[in-house]
Amino acid sequence: MVEEKFWWKTGKRTYYATFAQFAAANELDYDSITNEQSVNIVLENPLDENDYPMYYEPANVGIPRVFGGIQGLRHHPAVINKIARVTFMPKSGNKDKIRGHYWNVISHVMNGNRINVIALIMDQLADLRLNLEMNLYFAPYIMSIIKAKTSFRGICECRHIPFRPFKNDTGFLLRPLNPFLGGDMDEEAHGQDDDGNSDDDAHMGAPAAQHAMPPPQAPM
């Protein structure tokens, strides 16, 4: 297997680092992340839109839902999306929409699958390298490898505060947890949805039983 590398310039000097060194600098277990049980989302097609409804609250609880958006997401998918957006898949712009591989991340985490986050980060960095108008969201991770390779011993003035998703959203925090059971999807398939998406629920009735899942478990 060819060792994957990247390079950059600090001052007039060129530095090289492997993906494994990048992972180590950011306190990630590269061997675990890249083993055969790990999923490389970069190589996947985006999750099918017909699978979205299972990640939303059932219609009978009366919470408005917008399939493809954040409104009405169940607790775990909502938190997973929030964490992904500020860590290994940072993104600005419209935060009310969930697009592309963000759905894959939600699906894999909910199913307890390990994700190759290094491949995800490097794929996004490759895009950033070609588009100088995009914000460099990965600065803390990049700075970690720069410090490791240059033996930086100076003072870091930037302090990162803890991330607490939904800490000010009392309604979300107090909302009862609804289990991922095929039964509640089947029931709502026969009812009316507040946002007019009852056809989607009906379509999801049978698949939901196949994809029924509890809260996410830690990857093995």
N, C-alpha and C. Protein backbone atom coordinates (compact mmCIF):
# COMPACT_ATOMS: atom_id res chain seq x y z
N MET A 1 0.84 -1.20 0.00
CA MET A 1 0.00 0.00 0.00
C MET A 1 0.88 1.25 0.00
N VAL A 2 0.60 2.17 -0.91
CA VAL A 2 1.37 3.41 -1.02
C VAL A 2 1.01 4.34 0.15
N GLU A 3 2.03 4.86 0.80
CA GLU A 3 1.80 5.77 1.92
C GLU A 3 1.37 7.13 1.38
N GLU A 4 0.20 7.58 1.82
CA GLU A 4 -0.35 8.85 1.33
C GLU A 4 0.29 10.02 2.07
N LYS A 5 0.68 11.05 1.29
CA LYS A 5 1.36 12.20 1.86
C LYS A 5 0.77 13.50 1.34
N PHE A 6 1.08 14.58 2.03
CA PHE A 6 0.76 15.92 1.54
C PHE A 6 1.91 16.83 1.95
N TRP A 7 1.95 18.04 1.39
CA TRP A 7 3.05 18.93 1.69
C TRP A 7 2.54 20.37 1.79
N TRP A 8 3.36 21.24 2.40
CA TRP A 8 3.04 22.66 2.51
C TRP A 8 4.34 23.41 2.76
N LYS A 9 4.24 24.74 2.69
CA LYS A 9 5.40 25.60 2.96
C LYS A 9 5.14 26.45 4.19
N THR A 10 6.11 26.46 5.08
CA THR A 10 6.11 27.37 6.22
C THR A 10 7.35 28.24 6.07
N GLY A 11 7.12 29.52 5.77
CA GLY A 11 8.25 30.38 5.42
C GLY A 11 8.81 29.94 4.08
N LYS A 12 10.10 29.68 4.02
CA LYS A 12 10.73 29.25 2.78
C LYS A 12 10.98 27.74 2.75
N ARG A 13 10.56 27.07 3.79
CA ARG A 13 10.85 25.64 3.89
C ARG A 13 9.63 24.80 3.55
N THR A 14 9.85 23.73 2.82
CA THR A 14 8.78 22.80 2.46
C THR A 14 8.77 21.62 3.43
N TYR A 15 7.58 21.30 3.92
CA TYR A 15 7.41 20.19 4.86
C TYR A 15 6.51 19.13 4.24
N TYR A 16 6.78 17.89 4.60
CA TYR A 16 5.96 16.78 4.15
C TYR A 16 5.42 16.03 5.37
N ALA A 17 4.22 15.49 5.22
CA ALA A 17 3.64 14.68 6.30
C ALA A 17 2.76 13.60 5.67
N THR A 18 2.68 12.48 6.34
CA THR A 18 1.80 11.42 5.88
C THR A 18 0.41 11.62 6.50
N PHE A 19 -0.56 10.94 5.92
CA PHE A 19 -1.91 11.00 6.49
C PHE A 19 -1.89 10.44 7.91
N ALA A 20 -1.05 9.43 8.13
CA ALA A 20 -0.95 8.84 9.46
C ALA A 20 -0.40 9.84 10.46
N GLN A 21 0.58 10.64 10.05
CA GLN A 21 1.14 11.65 10.94
C GLN A 21 0.11 12.76 11.22
N PHE A 22 -0.67 13.10 10.21
CA PHE A 22 -1.74 14.09 10.39
C PHE A 22 -2.74 13.58 11.43
N ALA A 23 -3.09 12.30 11.33
CA ALA A 23 -4.02 11.71 12.29
C ALA A 23 -3.42 11.73 13.69
N ALA A 24 -2.16 11.34 13.82
CA ALA A 24 -1.50 11.30 15.12
C ALA A 24 -1.42 12.68 15.75
N ALA A 25 -1.14 13.70 14.93
CA ALA A 25 -1.05 15.07 15.44
C ALA A 25 -2.38 15.56 15.99
N ASN A 26 -3.48 14.97 15.47
CA ASN A 26 -4.81 15.35 15.94
C ASN A 26 -5.42 14.29 16.86
N GLU A 27 -4.53 13.44 17.41
CA GLU A 27 -4.91 12.44 18.40
C GLU A 27 -5.97 11.48 17.88
N LEU A 28 -5.80 11.03 16.64
CA LEU A 28 -6.69 10.05 16.04
C LEU A 28 -5.92 8.76 15.75
N ASP A 29 -6.58 7.63 15.91
CA ASP A 29 -5.97 6.32 15.67
C ASP A 29 -6.10 5.99 14.18
N TYR A 30 -5.04 6.23 13.43
CA TYR A 30 -5.10 6.07 11.97
C TYR A 30 -5.35 4.62 11.56
N ASP A 31 -4.72 3.67 12.23
CA ASP A 31 -4.92 2.26 11.89
C ASP A 31 -6.37 1.85 12.07
N SER A 32 -6.98 2.31 13.13
CA SER A 32 -8.39 1.99 13.39
C SER A 32 -9.30 2.66 12.38
N ILE A 33 -9.00 3.91 12.06
CA ILE A 33 -9.83 4.67 11.13
C ILE A 33 -9.81 4.10 9.72
N THR A 34 -8.67 3.52 9.33
CA THR A 34 -8.50 3.09 7.94
C THR A 34 -8.57 1.57 7.76
N ASN A 35 -8.92 0.82 8.79
CA ASN A 35 -8.96 -0.64 8.61
C ASN A 35 -10.14 -1.04 7.74
N GLU A 36 -10.24 -2.34 7.44
CA GLU A 36 -11.24 -2.80 6.47
C GLU A 36 -12.67 -2.68 6.98
N GLN A 37 -12.86 -2.50 8.30
CA GLN A 37 -14.21 -2.29 8.82
C GLN A 37 -14.65 -0.83 8.72
N SER A 38 -13.72 0.06 8.37
CA SER A 38 -14.03 1.48 8.30
C SER A 38 -14.65 1.84 6.96
N VAL A 39 -15.53 2.83 6.97
CA VAL A 39 -16.26 3.25 5.77
C VAL A 39 -15.63 4.52 5.20
N ASN A 40 -15.36 4.51 3.89
CA ASN A 40 -14.86 5.69 3.20
C ASN A 40 -16.03 6.36 2.48
N ILE A 41 -16.61 7.36 3.10
CA ILE A 41 -17.79 8.02 2.57
C ILE A 41 -17.50 8.73 1.26
N VAL A 42 -16.25 9.14 1.05
CA VAL A 42 -15.88 9.83 -0.19
C VAL A 42 -16.22 8.98 -1.41
N LEU A 43 -16.16 7.66 -1.27
CA LEU A 43 -16.40 6.75 -2.39
C LEU A 43 -17.87 6.36 -2.52
N GLU A 44 -18.72 6.83 -1.64
CA GLU A 44 -20.13 6.45 -1.66
C GLU A 44 -20.98 7.46 -2.42
N ASN A 45 -22.11 6.99 -2.92
CA ASN A 45 -23.14 7.90 -3.43
C ASN A 45 -23.89 8.48 -2.24
N PRO A 46 -24.42 9.70 -2.38
CA PRO A 46 -25.22 10.26 -1.29
C PRO A 46 -26.39 9.35 -0.94
N LEU A 47 -26.79 9.38 0.32
CA LEU A 47 -27.90 8.56 0.78
C LEU A 47 -29.16 8.86 -0.02
N ASP A 48 -29.92 7.82 -0.32
CA ASP A 48 -31.16 7.97 -1.09
C ASP A 48 -32.16 8.82 -0.31
N GLU A 49 -32.82 9.75 -0.98
CA GLU A 49 -33.78 10.63 -0.32
C GLU A 49 -34.94 9.86 0.31
N ASN A 50 -35.25 8.69 -0.21
CA ASN A 50 -36.33 7.90 0.36
C ASN A 50 -36.00 7.38 1.76
N ASP A 51 -34.72 7.44 2.14
CA ASP A 51 -34.30 7.01 3.47
C ASP A 51 -34.34 8.14 4.50
N TYR A 52 -34.56 9.38 4.06
CA TYR A 52 -34.56 10.51 4.99
C TYR A 52 -35.62 10.40 6.09
N PRO A 53 -36.88 10.05 5.75
CA PRO A 53 -37.95 10.15 6.77
C PRO A 53 -37.69 9.38 8.05
N MET A 54 -36.94 8.28 8.01
CA MET A 54 -36.72 7.51 9.23
C MET A 54 -35.93 8.28 10.28
N TYR A 55 -35.25 9.36 9.87
CA TYR A 55 -34.45 10.13 10.81
C TYR A 55 -35.22 11.31 11.41
N TYR A 56 -36.49 11.40 11.08
CA TYR A 56 -37.34 12.48 11.60
C TYR A 56 -38.34 11.94 12.62
N GLU A 57 -38.81 12.86 13.45
CA GLU A 57 -39.82 12.49 14.44
C GLU A 57 -41.07 11.96 13.73
N PRO A 58 -41.76 10.98 14.32
CA PRO A 58 -43.00 10.50 13.72
C PRO A 58 -44.05 11.61 13.69
N ALA A 59 -44.90 11.57 12.68
CA ALA A 59 -45.89 12.64 12.49
C ALA A 59 -46.85 12.75 13.67
N ASN A 60 -47.10 11.63 14.35
CA ASN A 60 -48.13 11.66 15.40
C ASN A 60 -47.70 12.43 16.65
N VAL A 61 -46.44 12.86 16.75
CA VAL A 61 -46.03 13.65 17.92
C VAL A 61 -46.27 15.14 17.69
N GLY A 62 -46.67 15.51 16.47
CA GLY A 62 -47.07 16.89 16.19
C GLY A 62 -45.94 17.87 15.98
N ILE A 63 -44.72 17.38 15.71
CA ILE A 63 -43.59 18.28 15.46
C ILE A 63 -43.46 18.51 13.97
N PRO A 64 -43.49 19.77 13.52
CA PRO A 64 -43.35 20.04 12.08
C PRO A 64 -42.05 19.48 11.54
N ARG A 65 -42.08 18.92 10.34
CA ARG A 65 -40.90 18.31 9.74
C ARG A 65 -40.70 18.84 8.33
N VAL A 66 -39.45 18.98 7.96
CA VAL A 66 -39.09 19.32 6.58
C VAL A 66 -38.05 18.31 6.14
N PHE A 67 -38.45 17.33 5.37
CA PHE A 67 -37.52 16.29 4.93
C PHE A 67 -36.41 16.92 4.07
N GLY A 68 -35.17 16.65 4.45
CA GLY A 68 -34.04 17.28 3.78
C GLY A 68 -33.50 18.47 4.55
N GLY A 69 -34.23 18.89 5.58
CA GLY A 69 -33.79 19.99 6.43
C GLY A 69 -33.60 19.53 7.87
N ILE A 70 -33.30 20.46 8.76
CA ILE A 70 -33.05 20.10 10.14
C ILE A 70 -34.32 20.10 10.99
N GLN A 71 -35.38 20.74 10.50
CA GLN A 71 -36.60 20.84 11.30
C GLN A 71 -37.26 19.47 11.44
N GLY A 72 -37.48 19.06 12.67
CA GLY A 72 -38.15 17.80 12.92
C GLY A 72 -37.24 16.59 13.02
N LEU A 73 -35.92 16.79 12.93
CA LEU A 73 -35.00 15.66 13.09
C LEU A 73 -35.12 15.06 14.49
N ARG A 74 -34.96 13.76 14.58
CA ARG A 74 -34.88 13.13 15.89
C ARG A 74 -33.59 13.59 16.59
N HIS A 75 -33.51 13.31 17.88
CA HIS A 75 -32.40 13.83 18.67
C HIS A 75 -31.02 13.41 18.15
N HIS A 76 -30.80 12.12 17.97
CA HIS A 76 -29.46 11.65 17.60
C HIS A 76 -29.02 12.16 16.23
N PRO A 77 -29.86 12.04 15.18
CA PRO A 77 -29.44 12.60 13.88
C PRO A 77 -29.15 14.10 13.95
N ALA A 78 -29.94 14.83 14.73
CA ALA A 78 -29.73 16.28 14.84
C ALA A 78 -28.38 16.60 15.47
N VAL A 79 -28.03 15.87 16.53
CA VAL A 79 -26.75 16.10 17.20
C VAL A 79 -25.59 15.67 16.30
N ILE A 80 -25.73 14.54 15.63
CA ILE A 80 -24.68 14.06 14.71
C ILE A 80 -24.41 15.10 13.63
N ASN A 81 -25.46 15.65 13.05
CA ASN A 81 -25.29 16.67 12.00
C ASN A 81 -24.59 17.90 12.55
N LYS A 82 -24.98 18.33 13.75
CA LYS A 82 -24.35 19.51 14.35
C LYS A 82 -22.86 19.29 14.59
N ILE A 83 -22.51 18.13 15.13
CA ILE A 83 -21.10 17.84 15.42
C ILE A 83 -20.29 17.76 14.13
N ALA A 84 -20.84 17.08 13.10
CA ALA A 84 -20.11 16.95 11.82
C ALA A 84 -19.82 18.32 11.22
N ARG A 85 -20.77 19.25 11.34
CA ARG A 85 -20.62 20.57 10.72
C ARG A 85 -19.53 21.42 11.36
N VAL A 86 -19.14 21.10 12.58
CA VAL A 86 -18.12 21.92 13.25
C VAL A 86 -16.82 21.15 13.48
N THR A 87 -16.73 19.91 12.97
CA THR A 87 -15.52 19.13 13.18
C THR A 87 -14.93 18.68 11.84
N PHE A 88 -15.26 17.46 11.39
CA PHE A 88 -14.60 16.92 10.20
C PHE A 88 -15.33 17.23 8.90
N MET A 89 -16.51 17.87 8.94
CA MET A 89 -17.20 18.32 7.73
C MET A 89 -17.74 19.73 7.94
N PRO A 90 -16.85 20.67 8.28
CA PRO A 90 -17.32 22.03 8.58
C PRO A 90 -17.90 22.70 7.34
N LYS A 91 -18.94 23.49 7.57
CA LYS A 91 -19.60 24.14 6.44
C LYS A 91 -20.31 25.39 6.91
N SER A 92 -20.25 26.44 6.09
CA SER A 92 -21.00 27.66 6.37
C SER A 92 -22.23 27.65 5.47
N GLY A 93 -22.90 28.78 5.37
CA GLY A 93 -24.06 28.86 4.49
C GLY A 93 -25.34 28.47 5.21
N ASN A 94 -26.29 27.93 4.44
CA ASN A 94 -27.61 27.60 4.96
C ASN A 94 -27.54 26.40 5.90
N LYS A 95 -27.70 26.65 7.19
CA LYS A 95 -27.62 25.58 8.18
C LYS A 95 -28.92 24.83 8.35
N ASP A 96 -29.97 25.28 7.64
CA ASP A 96 -31.26 24.62 7.76
C ASP A 96 -31.39 23.43 6.82
N LYS A 97 -30.41 23.22 5.95
CA LYS A 97 -30.45 22.12 5.00
C LYS A 97 -29.37 21.08 5.32
N ILE A 98 -29.68 19.82 5.03
CA ILE A 98 -28.70 18.74 5.16
C ILE A 98 -28.52 18.15 3.76
N ARG A 99 -27.33 18.23 3.23
CA ARG A 99 -27.12 17.83 1.85
C ARG A 99 -26.04 16.76 1.73
N GLY A 100 -26.11 16.03 0.61
CA GLY A 100 -25.04 15.14 0.21
C GLY A 100 -24.61 14.15 1.26
N HIS A 101 -23.30 14.10 1.49
CA HIS A 101 -22.71 13.08 2.35
C HIS A 101 -22.95 13.30 3.85
N TYR A 102 -23.54 14.42 4.21
CA TYR A 102 -23.92 14.59 5.61
C TYR A 102 -24.93 13.52 6.01
N TRP A 103 -25.80 13.15 5.08
CA TRP A 103 -26.76 12.08 5.34
C TRP A 103 -26.05 10.74 5.52
N ASN A 104 -25.00 10.52 4.74
CA ASN A 104 -24.23 9.28 4.89
C ASN A 104 -23.61 9.20 6.27
N VAL A 105 -23.07 10.34 6.74
CA VAL A 105 -22.48 10.38 8.08
C VAL A 105 -23.53 10.03 9.13
N ILE A 106 -24.70 10.65 9.04
CA ILE A 106 -25.78 10.36 9.99
C ILE A 106 -26.14 8.89 9.97
N SER A 107 -26.29 8.34 8.77
CA SER A 107 -26.68 6.94 8.63
C SER A 107 -25.64 6.00 9.22
N HIS A 108 -24.38 6.23 8.92
CA HIS A 108 -23.32 5.34 9.41
C HIS A 108 -23.16 5.43 10.92
N VAL A 109 -23.22 6.62 11.48
CA VAL A 109 -23.10 6.76 12.93
C VAL A 109 -24.28 6.08 13.63
N MET A 110 -25.47 6.27 13.09
CA MET A 110 -26.65 5.64 13.68
C MET A 110 -26.57 4.12 13.65
N ASN A 111 -25.88 3.58 12.65
CA ASN A 111 -25.73 2.14 12.53
C ASN A 111 -24.45 1.61 13.19
N GLY A 112 -23.70 2.50 13.86
CA GLY A 112 -22.52 2.08 14.59
C GLY A 112 -21.33 1.76 13.71
N ASN A 113 -21.29 2.33 12.49
CA ASN A 113 -20.18 2.07 11.58
C ASN A 113 -19.05 3.08 11.80
N ARG A 114 -17.82 2.62 11.71
CA ARG A 114 -16.66 3.50 11.83
C ARG A 114 -16.45 4.23 10.50
N ILE A 115 -16.15 5.54 10.56
CA ILE A 115 -15.97 6.36 9.37
C ILE A 115 -14.52 6.79 9.24
N ASN A 116 -14.00 6.74 8.03
CA ASN A 116 -12.64 7.21 7.76
C ASN A 116 -12.67 8.73 7.65
N VAL A 117 -12.55 9.40 8.80
CA VAL A 117 -12.64 10.86 8.81
C VAL A 117 -11.41 11.51 8.18
N ILE A 118 -10.27 10.82 8.18
CA ILE A 118 -9.08 11.39 7.54
C ILE A 118 -9.30 11.51 6.03
N ALA A 119 -9.89 10.48 5.41
CA ALA A 119 -10.19 10.54 3.99
C ALA A 119 -11.16 11.68 3.70
N LEU A 120 -12.15 11.87 4.58
CA LEU A 120 -13.11 12.96 4.40
C LEU A 120 -12.43 14.32 4.47
N ILE A 121 -11.58 14.50 5.48
CA ILE A 121 -10.89 15.78 5.65
C ILE A 121 -9.98 16.06 4.47
N MET A 122 -9.20 15.06 4.04
CA MET A 122 -8.25 15.26 2.94
C MET A 122 -8.97 15.54 1.62
N ASP A 123 -10.11 14.92 1.41
CA ASP A 123 -10.89 15.18 0.21
C ASP A 123 -11.38 16.62 0.19
N GLN A 124 -11.81 17.12 1.34
CA GLN A 124 -12.26 18.51 1.42
C GLN A 124 -11.09 19.48 1.29
N LEU A 125 -9.94 19.14 1.86
CA LEU A 125 -8.76 20.00 1.72
C LEU A 125 -8.32 20.09 0.26
N ALA A 126 -8.47 18.99 -0.49
CA ALA A 126 -8.12 19.02 -1.91
C ALA A 126 -8.99 20.02 -2.66
N ASP A 127 -10.27 20.09 -2.30
CA ASP A 127 -11.17 21.09 -2.92
C ASP A 127 -10.78 22.50 -2.51
N LEU A 128 -10.43 22.68 -1.24
CA LEU A 128 -10.05 24.01 -0.76
C LEU A 128 -8.78 24.50 -1.45
N ARG A 129 -7.88 23.58 -1.75
CA ARG A 129 -6.62 23.96 -2.40
C ARG A 129 -6.86 24.56 -3.79
N LEU A 130 -7.95 24.14 -4.43
CA LEU A 130 -8.26 24.61 -5.78
C LEU A 130 -9.19 25.83 -5.79
N ASN A 131 -9.74 26.16 -4.64
CA ASN A 131 -10.67 27.28 -4.57
C ASN A 131 -10.26 28.20 -3.43
N LEU A 132 -9.51 29.25 -3.77
CA LEU A 132 -8.96 30.14 -2.75
C LEU A 132 -10.01 31.06 -2.14
N GLU A 133 -11.25 31.04 -2.68
CA GLU A 133 -12.30 31.89 -2.14
C GLU A 133 -13.04 31.22 -0.98
N MET A 134 -12.81 29.92 -0.79
CA MET A 134 -13.48 29.20 0.30
C MET A 134 -12.72 29.41 1.61
N ASN A 135 -13.47 29.42 2.71
CA ASN A 135 -12.84 29.58 4.03
C ASN A 135 -12.04 28.33 4.40
N LEU A 136 -10.95 28.52 5.10
CA LEU A 136 -10.10 27.40 5.52
C LEU A 136 -10.58 26.93 6.89
N TYR A 137 -11.60 26.05 6.88
CA TYR A 137 -12.23 25.62 8.12
C TYR A 137 -11.34 24.70 8.95
N PHE A 138 -10.35 24.07 8.33
CA PHE A 138 -9.57 23.05 9.02
C PHE A 138 -8.32 23.60 9.68
N ALA A 139 -8.29 24.90 9.90
CA ALA A 139 -7.09 25.53 10.46
C ALA A 139 -6.59 24.88 11.75
N PRO A 140 -7.45 24.52 12.72
CA PRO A 140 -6.93 23.89 13.95
C PRO A 140 -6.23 22.56 13.68
N TYR A 141 -6.77 21.76 12.75
CA TYR A 141 -6.16 20.47 12.43
C TYR A 141 -4.84 20.66 11.69
N ILE A 142 -4.85 21.63 10.77
CA ILE A 142 -3.63 21.92 10.01
C ILE A 142 -2.54 22.45 10.95
N MET A 143 -2.93 23.31 11.89
CA MET A 143 -1.96 23.87 12.81
C MET A 143 -1.34 22.77 13.68
N SER A 144 -2.12 21.74 13.98
CA SER A 144 -1.60 20.64 14.80
C SER A 144 -0.44 19.94 14.11
N ILE A 145 -0.58 19.68 12.80
CA ILE A 145 0.50 18.99 12.08
C ILE A 145 1.68 19.93 11.84
N ILE A 146 1.40 21.22 11.64
CA ILE A 146 2.48 22.20 11.48
C ILE A 146 3.32 22.25 12.76
N LYS A 147 2.67 22.29 13.90
CA LYS A 147 3.38 22.34 15.17
C LYS A 147 4.21 21.08 15.38
N ALA A 148 3.65 19.93 14.98
CA ALA A 148 4.36 18.67 15.16
C ALA A 148 5.59 18.58 14.26
N LYS A 149 5.47 19.01 13.00
CA LYS A 149 6.57 18.86 12.05
C LYS A 149 7.63 19.95 12.20
N THR A 150 7.24 21.12 12.68
CA THR A 150 8.21 22.22 12.81
C THR A 150 8.76 22.33 14.22
N SER A 151 8.30 21.45 15.12
CA SER A 151 8.72 21.50 16.53
C SER A 151 8.45 22.87 17.15
N PHE A 152 7.28 23.41 16.83
CA PHE A 152 6.88 24.73 17.32
C PHE A 152 6.76 24.71 18.84
N ARG A 153 7.35 25.69 19.49
CA ARG A 153 7.33 25.77 20.95
C ARG A 153 6.84 27.12 21.44
N GLY A 154 6.19 27.86 20.57
CA GLY A 154 5.72 29.19 20.94
C GLY A 154 4.41 29.14 21.72
N ILE A 155 3.83 30.31 21.92
CA ILE A 155 2.58 30.44 22.66
C ILE A 155 1.41 30.46 21.67
N CYS A 156 0.41 29.62 21.91
CA CYS A 156 -0.80 29.62 21.08
C CYS A 156 -1.84 30.50 21.76
N GLU A 157 -2.15 31.62 21.13
CA GLU A 157 -3.05 32.59 21.75
C GLU A 157 -4.51 32.24 21.53
N CYS A 158 -4.79 31.37 20.57
CA CYS A 158 -6.18 31.02 20.27
C CYS A 158 -6.67 29.94 21.22
N ARG A 159 -7.80 30.19 21.85
CA ARG A 159 -8.38 29.23 22.78
C ARG A 159 -9.71 28.72 22.21
N HIS A 160 -9.84 27.42 22.13
CA HIS A 160 -11.06 26.83 21.59
C HIS A 160 -12.01 26.49 22.73
N ILE A 161 -13.22 27.01 22.62
CA ILE A 161 -14.21 26.79 23.68
C ILE A 161 -14.93 25.46 23.44
N PRO A 162 -15.46 24.83 24.49
CA PRO A 162 -16.20 23.57 24.32
C PRO A 162 -17.41 23.75 23.41
N PHE A 163 -17.71 22.72 22.64
CA PHE A 163 -18.88 22.76 21.76
C PHE A 163 -20.04 22.05 22.44
N ARG A 164 -21.13 22.78 22.64
CA ARG A 164 -22.31 22.22 23.31
C ARG A 164 -23.54 22.44 22.42
N PRO A 165 -23.79 21.50 21.50
CA PRO A 165 -24.93 21.69 20.59
C PRO A 165 -26.26 21.72 21.33
N PHE A 166 -27.12 22.63 20.91
CA PHE A 166 -28.48 22.77 21.43
C PHE A 166 -28.52 23.20 22.90
N LYS A 167 -27.42 23.75 23.42
CA LYS A 167 -27.41 24.10 24.85
C LYS A 167 -28.45 25.19 25.17
N ASN A 168 -28.81 26.01 24.16
CA ASN A 168 -29.79 27.07 24.39
C ASN A 168 -31.17 26.72 23.84
N ASP A 169 -31.32 25.51 23.30
CA ASP A 169 -32.59 25.09 22.73
C ASP A 169 -33.32 24.21 23.74
N THR A 170 -34.03 24.86 24.66
CA THR A 170 -34.70 24.13 25.73
C THR A 170 -35.74 23.16 25.19
N GLY A 171 -36.46 23.59 24.15
CA GLY A 171 -37.49 22.72 23.56
C GLY A 171 -36.91 21.42 23.06
N PHE A 172 -35.74 21.50 22.41
CA PHE A 172 -35.08 20.28 21.90
C PHE A 172 -34.62 19.39 23.04
N LEU A 173 -34.03 20.00 24.07
CA LEU A 173 -33.48 19.22 25.18
C LEU A 173 -34.57 18.55 26.02
N LEU A 174 -35.74 19.17 26.09
CA LEU A 174 -36.82 18.62 26.89
C LEU A 174 -37.74 17.70 26.10
N ARG A 175 -37.57 17.66 24.79
CA ARG A 175 -38.43 16.81 23.97
C ARG A 175 -38.16 15.34 24.28
N PRO A 176 -39.21 14.53 24.49
CA PRO A 176 -39.00 13.10 24.80
C PRO A 176 -38.30 12.38 23.65
N LEU A 177 -37.45 11.41 23.99
CA LEU A 177 -36.79 10.59 22.98
C LEU A 177 -37.78 9.58 22.41
N ASN A 178 -37.85 9.49 21.09
CA ASN A 178 -38.71 8.52 20.44
C ASN A 178 -37.85 7.42 19.84
N PRO A 179 -38.11 6.17 20.16
CA PRO A 179 -37.28 5.08 19.64
C PRO A 179 -37.44 4.90 18.15
N PHE A 180 -36.39 4.36 17.51
CA PHE A 180 -36.42 4.07 16.08
C PHE A 180 -37.05 2.70 15.88
N LEU A 181 -38.36 2.66 15.84
CA LEU A 181 -39.07 1.40 15.67
C LEU A 181 -39.84 1.42 14.36
N GLY A 182 -39.89 0.28 13.70
CA GLY A 182 -40.65 0.19 12.44
C GLY A 182 -42.12 0.47 12.67
N GLY A 183 -42.63 0.17 13.88
CA GLY A 183 -44.05 0.31 14.14
C GLY A 183 -44.55 1.72 14.02
N ASP A 184 -43.81 2.71 14.58
CA ASP A 184 -44.33 4.06 14.54
C ASP A 184 -44.31 4.62 13.12
N MET A 185 -43.37 4.14 12.29
CA MET A 185 -43.38 4.54 10.90
C MET A 185 -44.60 3.97 10.18
N ASP A 186 -44.95 2.72 10.50
CA ASP A 186 -46.10 2.10 9.87
C ASP A 186 -47.38 2.83 10.25
N GLU A 187 -47.47 3.26 11.52
CA GLU A 187 -48.65 3.96 11.97
C GLU A 187 -48.82 5.29 11.27
N GLU A 188 -47.72 6.04 11.13
CA GLU A 188 -47.84 7.36 10.54
C GLU A 188 -48.05 7.28 9.04
N ALA A 189 -47.80 6.11 8.45
CA ALA A 189 -48.06 5.95 7.03
C ALA A 189 -49.55 6.06 6.74
N HIS A 190 -50.40 5.79 7.76
CA HIS A 190 -51.84 5.85 7.56
C HIS A 190 -52.42 7.19 8.00
N GLY A 191 -51.58 8.07 8.55
CA GLY A 191 -52.07 9.34 9.04
C GLY A 191 -51.72 10.48 8.13
N GLN A 192 -52.05 11.68 8.60
CA GLN A 192 -51.76 12.89 7.85
C GLN A 192 -50.59 13.60 8.49
N ASP A 193 -49.67 14.09 7.69
CA ASP A 193 -48.49 14.77 8.19
C ASP A 193 -48.71 16.26 8.11
N ASP A 194 -48.22 16.98 9.11
CA ASP A 194 -48.40 18.44 9.14
C ASP A 194 -47.79 19.12 7.94
N ASP A 195 -46.70 18.59 7.40
CA ASP A 195 -46.02 19.28 6.31
C ASP A 195 -46.37 18.71 4.95
N GLY A 196 -47.40 17.86 4.91
CA GLY A 196 -47.86 17.37 3.61
C GLY A 196 -47.00 16.30 3.02
N ASN A 197 -46.18 15.63 3.81
CA ASN A 197 -45.29 14.59 3.29
C ASN A 197 -45.77 13.19 3.64
N SER A 198 -47.11 13.01 3.76
CA SER A 198 -47.63 11.71 4.14
C SER A 198 -47.30 10.65 3.11
N ASP A 199 -47.13 11.02 1.84
CA ASP A 199 -46.76 10.05 0.82
C ASP A 199 -45.39 9.47 1.11
N ASP A 200 -44.47 10.31 1.62
CA ASP A 200 -43.14 9.83 1.96
C ASP A 200 -43.20 8.84 3.10
N ASP A 201 -44.07 9.11 4.09
CA ASP A 201 -44.21 8.20 5.21
C ASP A 201 -44.75 6.86 4.76
N ALA A 202 -45.73 6.91 3.85
CA ALA A 202 -46.31 5.67 3.37
C ALA A 202 -45.26 4.84 2.65
N HIS A 203 -44.41 5.55 1.89
CA HIS A 203 -43.35 4.84 1.18
C HIS A 203 -42.36 4.21 2.15
N MET A 204 -42.18 4.87 3.31
CA MET A 204 -41.18 4.41 4.27
C MET A 204 -41.69 3.31 5.18
N GLY A 205 -42.99 2.97 5.12
CA GLY A 205 -43.55 2.01 6.06
C GLY A 205 -42.78 0.71 6.11
N ALA A 206 -42.62 0.03 4.96
CA ALA A 206 -41.93 -1.26 4.94
C ALA A 206 -40.43 -1.13 5.14
N PRO A 207 -39.75 -0.19 4.43
CA PRO A 207 -38.31 -0.06 4.64
C PRO A 207 -37.95 0.28 6.07
N ALA A 208 -38.82 1.02 6.76
CA ALA A 208 -38.50 1.42 8.13
C ALA A 208 -38.34 0.21 9.03
N ALA A 209 -39.15 -0.82 8.77
CA ALA A 209 -39.03 -2.02 9.58
C ALA A 209 -37.69 -2.69 9.37
N GLN A 210 -37.18 -2.59 8.12
CA GLN A 210 -35.89 -3.19 7.83
C GLN A 210 -34.76 -2.36 8.41
N HIS A 211 -34.95 -1.03 8.46
CA HIS A 211 -33.89 -0.14 8.90
C HIS A 211 -34.09 0.30 10.35
N ALA A 212 -35.02 -0.36 11.09
CA ALA A 212 -35.26 0.04 12.47
C ALA A 212 -33.96 0.00 13.25
N MET A 213 -33.72 1.05 14.03
CA MET A 213 -32.44 1.12 14.72
C MET A 213 -32.60 1.80 16.06
N PRO A 214 -31.83 1.40 17.05
CA PRO A 214 -31.81 2.06 18.36
C PRO A 214 -30.86 3.25 18.27
N PRO A 215 -30.69 4.01 19.34
CA PRO A 215 -29.65 5.04 19.34
C PRO A 215 -28.31 4.45 18.96
N PRO A 216 -27.42 5.24 18.36
CA PRO A 216 -26.16 4.71 17.83
C PRO A 216 -25.29 4.08 18.89
N GLN A 217 -24.64 2.99 18.51
CA GLN A 217 -23.71 2.31 19.39
C GLN A 217 -22.27 2.69 19.01
N ALA A 218 -21.35 2.56 19.93
CA ALA A 218 -19.95 2.86 19.64
C ALA A 218 -19.41 1.85 18.64
N PRO A 219 -18.62 2.30 17.62
CA PRO A 219 -18.04 1.37 16.65
C PRO A 219 -17.20 0.32 17.34
N MET A 220 -17.22 -0.91 16.82
CA MET A 220 -16.42 -1.98 17.37
C MET A 220 -14.97 -1.87 16.88
